[in-house]
Amino acid sequence: MTNSADGRARGLHFTRRDLIKTGVFAGAAVAVPVVRAVSADNLPQLAESKLPKPFTTPFSVPPVARPVRSDASADYYRIEMRAVQAEVLPGYKTLLFGYDGFVPGPTIKARHGRATVVRFVNNLPPTHPILGYETTASVHLHGGASLPQYDGYASDLTPPGYYKDYHYANEQNARGIWYHDHAHEHTAENAYYGLAGQYHITDDEELGLGLPSGAYDVPLTIGDALFQPDGNLLFSLDNANGQWGNVIIVNGAPWPVMKVARRKYRFRIVTAALSRGFEFSLSTGDPYQVIATDAGLMPRPATVTSHRAVSGERYSIVIDFAKYKPGTRVVLKNSLQGINQVFTNTDKVMAFDVTDDAFDPANNTVPAVLSPNNDVMITPASASVADRHYLLHRQGGLWKVNGHGWHDVVASNYTLVEHKSVDGTFERWTVKNGGGGWFHPFHAHLNDCRILSRNGQPPRPYEVGPKDVIFVDGGEEIQLLMDIHGAGKYMVHCHNLIHEDHDMMTQYEVVSDHRAEFSPFAAPSRPLSAEATDPL
């Protein structure tokens, strides 16, 4: 592990560090604590005896966002980023940053072919009340094919007291994606304090499958956190390798327990921990079905007894509780240890208590065929028109991609790109982990991909679906088939945001004869005072 001196030196001029999706529902105004300087070297940690016991807090579902208006082609939302005080741990108040005051933020529901416009308003305190940095923001719709100026480009910043309208065409297939902060130098802190929420696109194909829906289609945003003795988050700048919490957080609650009926449930898992990876399984040892990966439905469901997921990955799983007697408790476990720091209860995620409650029997199936005709899944690897290579490695005390970091991109006036890809083509990308004992969740913005091979072997059964985040373990070499669409410059980075914030981010460019190419800065933020003459 990197020594703390390296981490502190980096922190002198590069302050974004971590991502942990802690979620807590909080809608009230916040009484902001007194600003105080914090040194990660000597912050005390809340005693383990003060933490809640697993499965003693109730499970909650984030609210669904409601549009402020709709017209024939689009739904319009206004979502405000603001500070809140929330009870993450029973008996303690924790400062968080919430979208509309909720952590995780409200779930946005979208339909294929119907646009969404979201006015994201930065009403955060001008400086972070505890960490002291300017609270600029940039919203990335992770998994969305956004135009460059709406993609959450790291240097396209919305300062406190400003807003920006993000336009999403929703032209992609059904998928569970998410929105989260991506501000240069502060991605980690902003997301760690809560700026994340789920975003679901549906289409006719998905709606016609009879999958669990409504109350039985449940978002799970899963992360971890550390706490100071006063209940505030413990955030460290000292370790360039990662940050691991001793509390597992699901939709804002530590190790919650959910009551379930004796039927199938779909769980849309967003793995939102800053650095922690998960190997999910059920305490009963029973199988469950993986039906969707990052970028949508799999061709066919995969029946597994466990599956691995790391920061940024999304998996939709279906658990059938019909086989259990009322009163049975089924625990969602985490058995991944080698790449994690392990604490007393980080092997537990949440619990399901099976009831004998009445339930709606509709949409209670998983068909044998889900989405067999997704282009990125059926196109042969021989269709690739170019080979690209990405090396994830350590250089000069920083994490790098092909020897580059975001500071190199900024220094080039945003002209540095790893390659120029052509709209409407397929490419083979080889992603290699240069070693050093650390895994990397590799994420390319804009385009979906398929795993062709993992160290020359086929992908794991639950990875046989469209992806945009790829687990790359130490020394591994992954081959991907990338489905290239769009025009403009888009980021490529490690989704362990400690690594990203220690400069593991670069960009590539897509060029097109058919699409207009926009600058990532083509839609600047506006001051809040302009809202009076700029209604949604």
Protein backbone atom coordinates (compact mmCIF):
# COMPACT_ATOMS: atom_id res chain seq x y z
CA MET A 1 0.00 0.00 0.00
CA THR A 2 1.17 3.53 -0.70
CA ASN A 3 2.56 5.29 2.34
CA SER A 4 0.69 8.23 3.76
CA ALA A 5 3.41 10.68 2.78
CA ASP A 6 2.68 9.96 -0.89
CA GLY A 7 -1.02 10.51 -0.30
CA ARG A 8 -0.50 13.76 1.57
CA ALA A 9 1.85 15.16 -1.05
CA ARG A 10 -0.72 14.43 -3.71
CA GLY A 11 -3.41 16.06 -1.63
CA LEU A 12 -1.60 19.41 -1.64
CA HIS A 13 -2.85 20.15 -5.15
CA PHE A 14 -5.31 17.40 -6.07
CA THR A 15 -8.08 17.13 -3.54
CA ARG A 16 -10.76 14.85 -5.04
CA ARG A 17 -10.36 11.44 -3.47
CA ASP A 18 -13.19 9.03 -2.69
CA LEU A 19 -16.60 7.74 -3.66
CA ILE A 20 -18.87 6.01 -1.21
CA LYS A 21 -22.54 5.96 -1.83
CA THR A 22 -23.93 6.31 1.60
CA GLY A 23 -27.61 6.73 1.29
CA VAL A 24 -29.90 8.25 3.76
CA PHE A 25 -33.28 9.77 3.29
CA ALA A 26 -33.33 13.32 4.48
CA GLY A 27 -35.61 16.01 3.21
CA ALA A 28 -35.26 18.77 5.76
CA ALA A 29 -33.02 21.81 5.68
CA VAL A 30 -29.63 21.35 7.29
CA ALA A 31 -28.02 23.22 10.12
CA VAL A 32 -24.48 23.30 8.72
CA PRO A 33 -21.74 22.51 11.24
CA VAL A 34 -18.98 24.96 11.98
CA VAL A 35 -16.21 24.74 9.39
CA ARG A 36 -13.20 22.93 10.74
CA ALA A 37 -9.96 21.67 9.31
CA VAL A 38 -9.66 17.90 9.19
CA SER A 39 -6.47 15.91 8.94
CA ALA A 40 -6.99 12.33 7.84
CA ASP A 41 -3.83 11.32 9.69
CA ASN A 42 -5.30 11.60 13.15
CA LEU A 43 -9.07 11.47 12.85
CA PRO A 44 -10.48 9.11 15.45
CA GLN A 45 -12.97 6.49 14.34
CA LEU A 46 -16.34 5.71 15.87
CA ALA A 47 -15.99 2.66 18.09
CA GLU A 48 -17.37 -0.54 16.64
CA SER A 49 -19.48 -0.96 19.77
CA LYS A 50 -21.37 2.19 18.75
CA LEU A 51 -22.35 0.80 15.34
CA PRO A 52 -25.80 -0.73 14.88
CA LYS A 53 -26.07 -4.49 14.77
CA PRO A 54 -26.78 -5.85 11.30
CA PHE A 55 -30.43 -6.20 10.33
CA THR A 56 -31.79 -3.86 12.99
CA THR A 57 -32.59 -0.93 10.69
CA PRO A 58 -35.55 -0.93 8.29
CA PHE A 59 -35.09 -1.02 4.54
CA SER A 60 -36.23 1.99 2.50
CA VAL A 61 -36.66 2.68 -1.20
CA PRO A 62 -35.63 6.07 -2.61
CA PRO A 63 -38.51 8.20 -3.89
CA VAL A 64 -39.30 8.37 -7.59
CA ALA A 65 -38.54 11.77 -9.10
CA ARG A 66 -41.59 13.68 -10.33
CA PRO A 67 -41.33 16.00 -13.35
CA VAL A 68 -42.17 19.66 -12.89
CA ARG A 69 -43.84 19.51 -16.29
CA SER A 70 -44.14 17.34 -19.40
CA ASP A 71 -44.83 17.96 -23.06
CA ALA A 72 -45.31 15.77 -26.12
CA SER A 73 -41.65 14.70 -26.31
CA ALA A 74 -40.00 15.17 -22.92
CA ASP A 75 -40.29 15.19 -19.14
CA TYR A 76 -38.66 18.07 -17.25
CA TYR A 77 -37.19 17.79 -13.75
CA ARG A 78 -35.58 20.19 -11.33
CA ILE A 79 -33.24 18.50 -8.85
CA GLU A 80 -31.34 20.50 -6.26
CA MET A 81 -28.06 19.51 -4.64
CA ARG A 82 -28.03 20.60 -1.02
CA ALA A 83 -26.55 19.75 2.36
CA VAL A 84 -28.65 17.79 4.84
CA GLN A 85 -28.26 16.35 8.31
CA ALA A 86 -29.45 12.74 8.31
CA GLU A 87 -29.54 9.87 10.75
CA VAL A 88 -27.43 7.24 9.02
CA LEU A 89 -26.51 5.57 12.31
CA PRO A 90 -29.24 5.51 14.97
CA GLY A 91 -28.68 8.33 17.45
CA TYR A 92 -26.17 10.28 15.32
CA LYS A 93 -26.48 13.08 12.80
CA THR A 94 -24.34 12.91 9.67
CA LEU A 95 -23.68 15.73 7.21
CA LEU A 96 -24.50 14.58 3.67
CA PHE A 97 -24.99 16.11 0.24
CA GLY A 98 -28.27 15.01 -1.31
CA TYR A 99 -30.06 15.38 -4.59
CA ASP A 100 -33.30 17.10 -3.52
CA GLY A 101 -32.11 16.35 0.01
CA PHE A 102 -32.21 12.57 -0.50
CA VAL A 103 -29.29 10.17 -0.36
CA PRO A 104 -29.44 8.21 -2.61
CA GLY A 105 -31.16 10.73 -4.85
CA PRO A 106 -34.63 10.22 -6.32
CA THR A 107 -34.88 7.49 -8.95
CA ILE A 108 -35.58 8.92 -12.39
CA LYS A 109 -37.86 6.74 -14.54
CA ALA A 110 -37.52 7.19 -18.30
CA ARG A 111 -38.96 5.56 -21.42
CA HIS A 112 -36.99 4.68 -24.53
CA GLY A 113 -37.46 7.40 -27.14
CA ARG A 114 -38.86 9.97 -24.74
CA ALA A 115 -36.40 12.66 -23.70
CA THR A 116 -35.62 13.80 -20.19
CA VAL A 117 -34.34 17.24 -19.24
CA VAL A 118 -32.98 17.64 -15.73
CA ARG A 119 -32.07 21.01 -14.25
CA PHE A 120 -29.42 20.18 -11.68
CA VAL A 121 -29.10 23.10 -9.26
CA ASN A 122 -25.99 23.43 -7.13
CA ASN A 123 -27.31 24.83 -3.87
CA LEU A 124 -24.54 23.31 -1.78
CA PRO A 125 -22.62 25.42 0.75
CA PRO A 126 -19.93 27.42 -1.09
CA THR A 127 -17.27 25.40 0.71
CA HIS A 128 -17.56 21.96 2.22
CA PRO A 129 -18.41 22.49 5.92
CA ILE A 130 -15.93 19.83 7.04
CA LEU A 131 -13.38 19.31 4.26
CA GLY A 132 -13.15 22.94 3.17
CA TYR A 133 -13.05 22.68 -0.66
CA GLU A 134 -15.23 24.64 -3.08
CA THR A 135 -18.26 22.46 -3.81
CA THR A 136 -18.33 22.54 -7.60
CA ALA A 137 -20.32 19.77 -9.29
CA SER A 138 -20.66 17.97 -12.62
CA VAL A 139 -23.39 15.37 -13.13
CA HIS A 140 -22.58 12.19 -15.07
CA LEU A 141 -25.38 9.93 -16.23
CA HIS A 142 -23.35 6.74 -15.95
CA GLY A 143 -24.40 4.33 -18.70
CA GLY A 144 -26.21 7.01 -20.69
CA ALA A 145 -25.25 7.93 -24.26
CA SER A 146 -25.17 11.66 -23.61
CA LEU A 147 -23.86 14.42 -25.84
CA PRO A 148 -20.43 15.62 -24.63
CA GLN A 149 -21.82 18.80 -23.03
CA TYR A 150 -24.30 16.72 -20.98
CA ASP A 151 -22.01 13.83 -20.05
CA GLY A 152 -20.61 15.22 -16.82
CA TYR A 153 -17.20 16.04 -18.25
CA ALA A 154 -14.86 16.35 -15.29
CA SER A 155 -13.81 19.91 -16.08
CA ASP A 156 -17.31 21.15 -17.01
CA LEU A 157 -18.15 22.49 -13.58
CA THR A 158 -21.25 23.99 -12.00
CA PRO A 159 -20.20 26.23 -9.08
CA PRO A 160 -22.32 26.73 -5.97
CA GLY A 161 -25.15 29.11 -6.78
CA TYR A 162 -25.38 27.95 -10.42
CA TYR A 163 -27.46 25.44 -12.36
CA LYS A 164 -27.20 23.47 -15.58
CA ASP A 165 -29.85 21.79 -17.74
CA TYR A 166 -28.86 18.27 -18.81
CA HIS A 167 -30.61 16.80 -21.88
CA TYR A 168 -30.93 13.02 -22.17
CA ALA A 169 -32.40 11.53 -25.36
CA ASN A 170 -33.02 8.07 -23.81
CA GLU A 171 -32.49 6.40 -27.18
CA GLN A 172 -30.82 3.34 -25.67
CA ASN A 173 -32.34 0.00 -24.82
CA ALA A 174 -33.83 -0.66 -21.38
CA ARG A 175 -31.17 -0.48 -18.66
CA GLY A 176 -30.55 0.39 -15.04
CA ILE A 177 -28.06 3.25 -14.94
CA TRP A 178 -27.26 5.96 -12.40
CA TYR A 179 -26.34 9.60 -12.06
CA HIS A 180 -23.50 10.75 -9.84
CA ASP A 181 -21.06 13.58 -9.43
CA HIS A 182 -17.95 13.75 -11.62
CA ALA A 183 -16.36 17.11 -10.76
CA HIS A 184 -12.64 17.41 -11.39
CA GLU A 185 -10.67 17.22 -8.15
CA HIS A 186 -13.81 16.61 -6.07
CA THR A 187 -15.63 13.64 -7.61
CA ALA A 188 -14.70 11.52 -4.65
CA GLU A 189 -15.74 13.87 -1.90
CA ASN A 190 -19.02 14.87 -3.55
CA ALA A 191 -20.08 11.30 -4.24
CA TYR A 192 -18.82 10.08 -0.89
CA TYR A 193 -21.12 12.59 0.77
CA GLY A 194 -24.10 11.31 -1.19
CA LEU A 195 -24.43 12.74 -4.71
CA ALA A 196 -25.75 9.65 -6.53
CA GLY A 197 -29.09 8.25 -7.64
CA GLN A 198 -30.54 5.57 -9.92
CA TYR A 199 -31.99 6.14 -13.39
CA HIS A 200 -34.07 3.46 -15.13
CA ILE A 201 -34.81 3.37 -18.86
CA THR A 202 -37.57 0.96 -19.92
CA ASP A 203 -38.68 -0.13 -23.38
CA ASP A 204 -41.37 -2.29 -24.94
CA GLU A 205 -39.14 -5.36 -25.08
CA GLU A 206 -38.50 -5.28 -21.34
CA LEU A 207 -42.09 -4.47 -20.44
CA GLY A 208 -43.32 -7.43 -22.46
CA LEU A 209 -41.25 -10.04 -20.62
CA GLY A 210 -43.38 -10.34 -17.46
CA LEU A 211 -40.42 -9.55 -15.18
CA PRO A 212 -41.09 -8.39 -11.61
CA SER A 213 -42.26 -4.78 -11.72
CA GLY A 214 -43.73 -2.05 -9.56
CA ALA A 215 -43.18 -2.74 -5.86
CA TYR A 216 -41.28 -5.91 -6.83
CA ASP A 217 -38.70 -4.05 -8.93
CA VAL A 218 -36.42 -2.69 -6.21
CA PRO A 219 -33.33 -0.44 -6.47
CA LEU A 220 -30.41 -1.35 -4.22
CA THR A 221 -27.61 1.23 -4.05
CA ILE A 222 -24.88 -0.50 -2.04
CA GLY A 223 -21.82 1.14 -0.53
CA ASP A 224 -19.76 1.31 2.62
CA ALA A 225 -18.65 4.04 5.02
CA LEU A 226 -16.46 4.94 7.98
CA PHE A 227 -17.61 7.32 10.71
CA GLN A 228 -16.02 9.73 13.15
CA PRO A 229 -17.05 9.62 16.83
CA ASP A 230 -19.51 12.50 16.28
CA GLY A 231 -21.29 10.55 13.52
CA ASN A 232 -19.86 12.44 10.57
CA LEU A 233 -18.20 10.57 7.73
CA LEU A 234 -14.55 9.69 8.13
CA PHE A 235 -12.84 10.63 4.87
CA SER A 236 -9.15 9.96 4.29
CA LEU A 237 -6.86 11.58 1.73
CA ASP A 238 -3.85 9.58 2.81
CA ASN A 239 -4.22 6.28 0.97
CA ALA A 240 -3.92 6.43 -2.81
CA ASN A 241 -5.08 2.83 -3.12
CA GLY A 242 -8.58 3.03 -1.73
CA GLN A 243 -10.93 3.56 1.16
CA TRP A 244 -12.95 0.80 2.78
CA GLY A 245 -15.73 1.36 5.28
CA ASN A 246 -16.70 -0.85 8.21
CA VAL A 247 -20.43 -0.20 7.69
CA ILE A 248 -22.29 -1.55 4.66
CA ILE A 249 -24.94 0.91 3.53
CA VAL A 250 -27.94 -0.04 1.36
CA ASN A 251 -30.29 2.73 0.20
CA GLY A 252 -29.18 4.84 3.12
CA ALA A 253 -29.46 2.30 5.91
CA PRO A 254 -26.73 0.24 7.59
CA TRP A 255 -27.32 -3.49 6.99
CA PRO A 256 -31.09 -3.05 6.58
CA VAL A 257 -33.76 -5.74 6.76
CA MET A 258 -36.52 -5.88 4.14
CA LYS A 259 -39.84 -7.71 4.42
CA VAL A 260 -40.61 -9.71 1.28
CA ALA A 261 -43.60 -11.70 0.05
CA ARG A 262 -43.34 -15.26 -1.22
CA ARG A 263 -42.76 -14.39 -4.89
CA LYS A 264 -40.03 -13.19 -7.27
CA TYR A 265 -38.35 -9.79 -6.80
CA ARG A 266 -36.07 -7.96 -9.18
CA PHE A 267 -33.23 -6.12 -7.44
CA ARG A 268 -31.37 -3.47 -9.45
CA ILE A 269 -27.97 -3.42 -7.75
CA VAL A 270 -25.71 -0.40 -8.18
CA THR A 271 -22.33 -1.18 -6.65
CA ALA A 272 -21.52 2.25 -5.31
CA ALA A 273 -18.82 1.65 -2.73
CA LEU A 274 -15.75 3.79 -3.17
CA SER A 275 -13.25 0.93 -3.32
CA ARG A 276 -14.87 -2.17 -1.91
CA GLY A 277 -15.71 -5.06 -4.19
CA PHE A 278 -18.49 -7.54 -3.46
CA GLU A 279 -19.04 -11.23 -4.05
CA PHE A 280 -22.78 -11.52 -3.52
CA SER A 281 -24.50 -14.73 -2.44
CA LEU A 282 -27.47 -15.89 -0.37
CA SER A 283 -27.00 -17.31 3.12
CA THR A 284 -29.14 -20.30 2.12
CA GLY A 285 -26.75 -21.19 -0.68
CA ASP A 286 -29.68 -21.13 -3.10
CA PRO A 287 -29.28 -19.98 -6.70
CA TYR A 288 -30.74 -16.79 -8.11
CA GLN A 289 -30.88 -15.36 -11.62
CA VAL A 290 -28.85 -12.52 -13.12
CA ILE A 291 -31.03 -10.94 -15.83
CA ALA A 292 -29.24 -7.68 -16.67
CA THR A 293 -25.75 -6.25 -16.65
CA ASP A 294 -24.59 -2.61 -16.79
CA ALA A 295 -26.06 -1.75 -20.19
CA GLY A 296 -29.25 -3.77 -20.20
CA LEU A 297 -30.84 -7.18 -20.34
CA MET A 298 -28.70 -10.23 -20.97
CA PRO A 299 -29.53 -12.44 -23.96
CA ARG A 300 -30.58 -15.12 -21.47
CA PRO A 301 -30.68 -15.22 -17.67
CA ALA A 302 -27.71 -16.71 -15.86
CA THR A 303 -28.46 -18.90 -12.85
CA VAL A 304 -25.70 -18.51 -10.27
CA THR A 305 -25.04 -19.00 -6.58
CA SER A 306 -22.78 -15.93 -6.42
CA HIS A 307 -21.56 -13.06 -8.54
CA ARG A 308 -18.88 -10.41 -8.17
CA ALA A 309 -19.45 -6.68 -8.58
CA VAL A 310 -17.15 -3.70 -8.09
CA SER A 311 -17.57 0.06 -8.06
CA GLY A 312 -19.76 1.30 -10.89
CA GLU A 313 -21.07 -2.11 -11.97
CA ARG A 314 -24.80 -2.79 -12.11
CA TYR A 315 -26.50 -6.17 -12.04
CA SER A 316 -30.21 -6.90 -11.97
CA ILE A 317 -30.89 -10.11 -10.11
CA VAL A 318 -34.12 -12.00 -9.47
CA ILE A 319 -34.58 -13.84 -6.17
CA ASP A 320 -37.59 -16.15 -5.80
CA PHE A 321 -38.78 -16.15 -2.19
CA ALA A 322 -41.66 -18.54 -2.92
CA LYS A 323 -39.59 -21.51 -1.78
CA TYR A 324 -39.19 -20.17 1.77
CA LYS A 325 -41.56 -20.58 4.68
CA PRO A 326 -42.88 -17.43 6.35
CA GLY A 327 -40.48 -16.34 9.07
CA THR A 328 -37.38 -17.38 7.12
CA ARG A 329 -34.54 -14.88 7.08
CA VAL A 330 -32.36 -14.85 3.95
CA VAL A 331 -29.15 -12.82 4.16
CA LEU A 332 -27.46 -11.22 1.17
CA LYS A 333 -23.79 -11.89 1.88
CA ASN A 334 -20.46 -10.57 0.69
CA SER A 335 -17.59 -13.05 0.60
CA LEU A 336 -15.01 -11.04 -1.36
CA GLN A 337 -11.93 -10.53 0.81
CA GLY A 338 -8.65 -10.54 -1.09
CA ILE A 339 -9.08 -7.10 -2.66
CA ASN A 340 -10.81 -5.55 0.35
CA GLN A 341 -10.12 -4.45 3.87
CA VAL A 342 -12.31 -6.73 5.95
CA PHE A 343 -14.12 -5.64 9.10
CA THR A 344 -16.34 -7.54 11.52
CA ASN A 345 -19.58 -7.28 9.57
CA THR A 346 -18.54 -6.41 6.03
CA ASP A 347 -19.39 -9.98 5.04
CA LYS A 348 -23.07 -9.05 5.41
CA VAL A 349 -25.06 -6.70 3.14
CA MET A 350 -28.75 -6.88 4.10
CA ALA A 351 -31.44 -9.34 5.11
CA PHE A 352 -34.81 -10.39 3.68
CA ASP A 353 -37.51 -11.53 6.09
CA VAL A 354 -40.06 -13.70 4.31
CA THR A 355 -43.67 -12.99 5.25
CA ASP A 356 -47.02 -14.57 4.49
CA ASP A 357 -48.38 -11.26 3.18
CA ALA A 358 -50.66 -11.22 0.16
CA PHE A 359 -49.00 -10.19 -3.09
CA ASP A 360 -49.82 -9.36 -6.69
CA PRO A 361 -49.10 -12.50 -8.77
CA ALA A 362 -48.68 -10.57 -12.05
CA ASN A 363 -45.25 -10.12 -13.62
CA ASN A 364 -43.75 -12.97 -11.65
CA THR A 365 -41.71 -14.75 -14.33
CA VAL A 366 -38.22 -14.85 -15.80
CA PRO A 367 -38.41 -16.09 -19.41
CA ALA A 368 -35.68 -18.27 -20.86
CA VAL A 369 -34.88 -15.61 -23.50
CA LEU A 370 -34.54 -11.95 -22.55
CA SER A 371 -32.86 -9.74 -25.17
CA PRO A 372 -31.27 -11.91 -27.87
CA ASN A 373 -30.67 -9.23 -30.52
CA ASN A 374 -28.60 -6.53 -28.80
CA ASP A 375 -26.05 -5.38 -31.39
CA VAL A 376 -23.04 -5.45 -29.08
CA MET A 377 -23.87 -9.02 -28.03
CA ILE A 378 -24.46 -10.53 -31.50
CA THR A 379 -21.81 -8.73 -33.59
CA PRO A 380 -18.79 -11.00 -34.24
CA ALA A 381 -15.39 -9.88 -33.02
CA SER A 382 -14.22 -10.00 -36.64
CA ALA A 383 -16.29 -6.87 -37.28
CA SER A 384 -13.72 -4.79 -35.38
CA VAL A 385 -12.11 -2.08 -37.51
CA ALA A 386 -9.38 -1.10 -35.03
CA ASP A 387 -7.42 -2.48 -32.09
CA ARG A 388 -6.98 -0.20 -29.08
CA HIS A 389 -4.82 -0.85 -26.02
CA TYR A 390 -5.24 0.44 -22.49
CA LEU A 391 -2.64 -0.12 -19.78
CA LEU A 392 -3.74 0.55 -16.20
CA HIS A 393 -0.65 1.12 -14.10
CA ARG A 394 1.22 3.07 -11.44
CA GLN A 395 3.70 5.77 -12.43
CA GLY A 396 5.46 8.38 -10.32
CA GLY A 397 3.24 7.70 -7.30
CA LEU A 398 0.06 8.17 -9.34
CA TRP A 399 -2.36 5.85 -11.08
CA LYS A 400 -2.26 6.24 -14.86
CA VAL A 401 -3.98 5.09 -18.04
CA ASN A 402 -1.47 4.60 -20.86
CA GLY A 403 0.89 6.89 -18.96
CA HIS A 404 -1.66 9.70 -18.86
CA GLY A 405 -3.83 11.32 -16.21
CA TRP A 406 -6.46 14.04 -16.25
CA HIS A 407 -3.88 16.69 -15.43
CA ASP A 408 -2.20 15.82 -18.74
CA VAL A 409 -5.54 16.30 -20.51
CA VAL A 410 -6.04 19.68 -18.85
CA ALA A 411 -2.45 20.73 -19.63
CA SER A 412 -3.07 19.93 -23.31
CA ASN A 413 -6.09 22.26 -23.32
CA TYR A 414 -8.23 19.12 -23.65
CA THR A 415 -6.66 18.09 -26.97
CA LEU A 416 -4.94 14.95 -25.65
CA VAL A 417 -6.88 11.83 -26.69
CA GLU A 418 -5.83 8.19 -26.61
CA HIS A 419 -7.30 7.58 -30.06
CA LYS A 420 -9.97 8.73 -32.49
CA SER A 421 -12.71 6.18 -33.10
CA VAL A 422 -15.26 6.29 -35.91
CA ASP A 423 -18.98 6.55 -35.26
CA GLY A 424 -20.95 3.46 -36.31
CA THR A 425 -18.07 0.98 -36.03
CA PHE A 426 -16.91 -1.74 -33.68
CA GLU A 427 -13.46 -1.87 -32.11
CA ARG A 428 -11.49 -4.40 -30.10
CA TRP A 429 -10.09 -2.90 -26.91
CA THR A 430 -7.45 -4.78 -24.92
CA VAL A 431 -7.33 -3.62 -21.30
CA LYS A 432 -4.37 -4.79 -19.22
CA ASN A 433 -3.75 -4.34 -15.52
CA GLY A 434 -0.09 -3.55 -15.10
CA GLY A 435 -0.03 -5.15 -11.66
CA GLY A 436 0.84 -3.69 -8.29
CA GLY A 437 -1.63 -5.85 -6.40
CA TRP A 438 -4.75 -3.77 -7.12
CA PHE A 439 -7.82 -4.33 -9.23
CA HIS A 440 -9.37 -1.62 -11.41
CA PRO A 441 -13.00 -1.18 -12.49
CA PHE A 442 -12.39 0.09 -16.04
CA HIS A 443 -15.11 2.45 -17.31
CA ALA A 444 -15.43 4.06 -20.73
CA HIS A 445 -18.09 6.73 -21.06
CA LEU A 446 -20.67 6.74 -23.89
CA ASN A 447 -20.36 3.29 -25.48
CA ASP A 448 -21.44 -0.22 -24.49
CA CYS A 449 -19.15 -3.19 -24.80
CA ARG A 450 -19.03 -6.98 -24.61
CA ILE A 451 -16.37 -9.02 -22.84
CA LEU A 452 -14.74 -11.25 -25.44
CA SER A 453 -12.25 -12.90 -23.14
CA ARG A 454 -10.73 -12.70 -19.69
CA ASN A 455 -7.10 -13.87 -19.77
CA GLY A 456 -7.93 -15.83 -22.89
CA GLN A 457 -10.89 -17.52 -21.22
CA PRO A 458 -14.61 -16.83 -21.73
CA PRO A 459 -16.28 -14.26 -19.48
CA ARG A 460 -18.05 -15.50 -16.37
CA PRO A 461 -21.67 -16.55 -16.99
CA TYR A 462 -23.07 -13.46 -15.23
CA GLU A 463 -20.87 -11.17 -17.38
CA VAL A 464 -22.43 -12.35 -20.66
CA GLY A 465 -24.39 -9.15 -21.16
CA PRO A 466 -23.80 -5.57 -22.34
CA LYS A 467 -21.31 -3.79 -20.08
CA ASP A 468 -19.67 -0.44 -19.42
CA VAL A 469 -17.60 -1.24 -16.29
CA ILE A 470 -15.11 -4.11 -16.39
CA PHE A 471 -13.39 -5.70 -13.40
CA VAL A 472 -9.68 -5.98 -14.26
CA ASP A 473 -7.76 -7.86 -11.58
CA GLY A 474 -4.02 -7.66 -11.00
CA GLY A 475 -2.17 -8.87 -14.10
CA GLU A 476 -5.39 -9.58 -16.00
CA GLU A 477 -5.86 -8.84 -19.68
CA ILE A 478 -9.42 -8.34 -20.90
CA GLN A 479 -10.54 -8.15 -24.51
CA LEU A 480 -13.64 -6.08 -25.25
CA LEU A 481 -15.75 -5.44 -28.31
CA MET A 482 -16.78 -1.77 -28.20
CA ASP A 483 -19.90 -0.55 -30.00
CA ILE A 484 -18.88 2.95 -31.11
CA HIS A 485 -21.60 5.57 -31.50
CA GLY A 486 -21.68 9.32 -31.08
CA ALA A 487 -19.32 12.24 -31.66
CA GLY A 488 -17.02 14.10 -29.29
CA LYS A 489 -14.59 13.55 -26.44
CA TYR A 490 -15.40 11.15 -23.60
CA MET A 491 -13.57 10.06 -20.47
CA VAL A 492 -12.00 6.70 -19.70
CA HIS A 493 -11.06 6.00 -16.09
CA CYS A 494 -10.85 3.64 -13.16
CA HIS A 495 -14.10 3.61 -11.18
CA ASN A 496 -12.31 3.14 -7.90
CA LEU A 497 -12.51 6.88 -7.48
CA ILE A 498 -9.54 6.95 -5.14
CA HIS A 499 -7.56 5.79 -8.19
CA GLU A 500 -9.36 8.22 -10.50
CA ASP A 501 -8.63 11.05 -8.09
CA HIS A 502 -5.00 10.05 -8.06
CA ASP A 503 -5.14 10.76 -11.79
CA MET A 504 -6.28 7.49 -13.39
CA MET A 505 -8.39 9.17 -16.08
CA THR A 506 -7.90 10.12 -19.72
CA GLN A 507 -10.15 10.52 -22.78
CA TYR A 508 -10.84 9.26 -26.28
CA GLU A 509 -12.68 10.88 -29.17
CA VAL A 510 -15.42 9.67 -31.50
CA VAL A 511 -15.56 11.31 -34.94
CA SER A 512 -18.56 11.22 -37.24
CA ASP A 513 -19.69 12.31 -40.70
CA HIS A 514 -23.33 12.07 -39.63
CA ARG A 515 -23.51 13.61 -36.15
CA ALA A 516 -22.71 17.10 -34.98
CA GLU A 517 -19.67 17.18 -32.71
CA PHE A 518 -19.98 19.39 -29.64
CA SER A 519 -17.45 20.66 -27.16
CA PRO A 520 -17.83 19.29 -23.62
CA PHE A 521 -18.17 22.97 -22.63
CA ALA A 522 -20.95 23.78 -25.14
CA ALA A 523 -23.68 24.14 -22.48
CA PRO A 524 -22.30 26.26 -19.64
CA SER A 525 -23.89 26.60 -16.24
CA ARG A 526 -25.94 29.68 -15.39
CA PRO A 527 -26.30 31.64 -12.12
CA LEU A 528 -29.38 30.89 -10.04
CA SER A 529 -30.48 34.48 -10.52
CA ALA A 530 -31.14 33.62 -14.18
CA GLU A 531 -33.85 31.09 -13.29
CA ALA A 532 -36.51 33.79 -13.12
CA THR A 533 -36.17 34.38 -16.86
CA ASP A 534 -35.16 30.81 -17.76
CA PRO A 535 -38.02 28.53 -16.74
CA LEU A 536 -37.89 24.81 -17.47
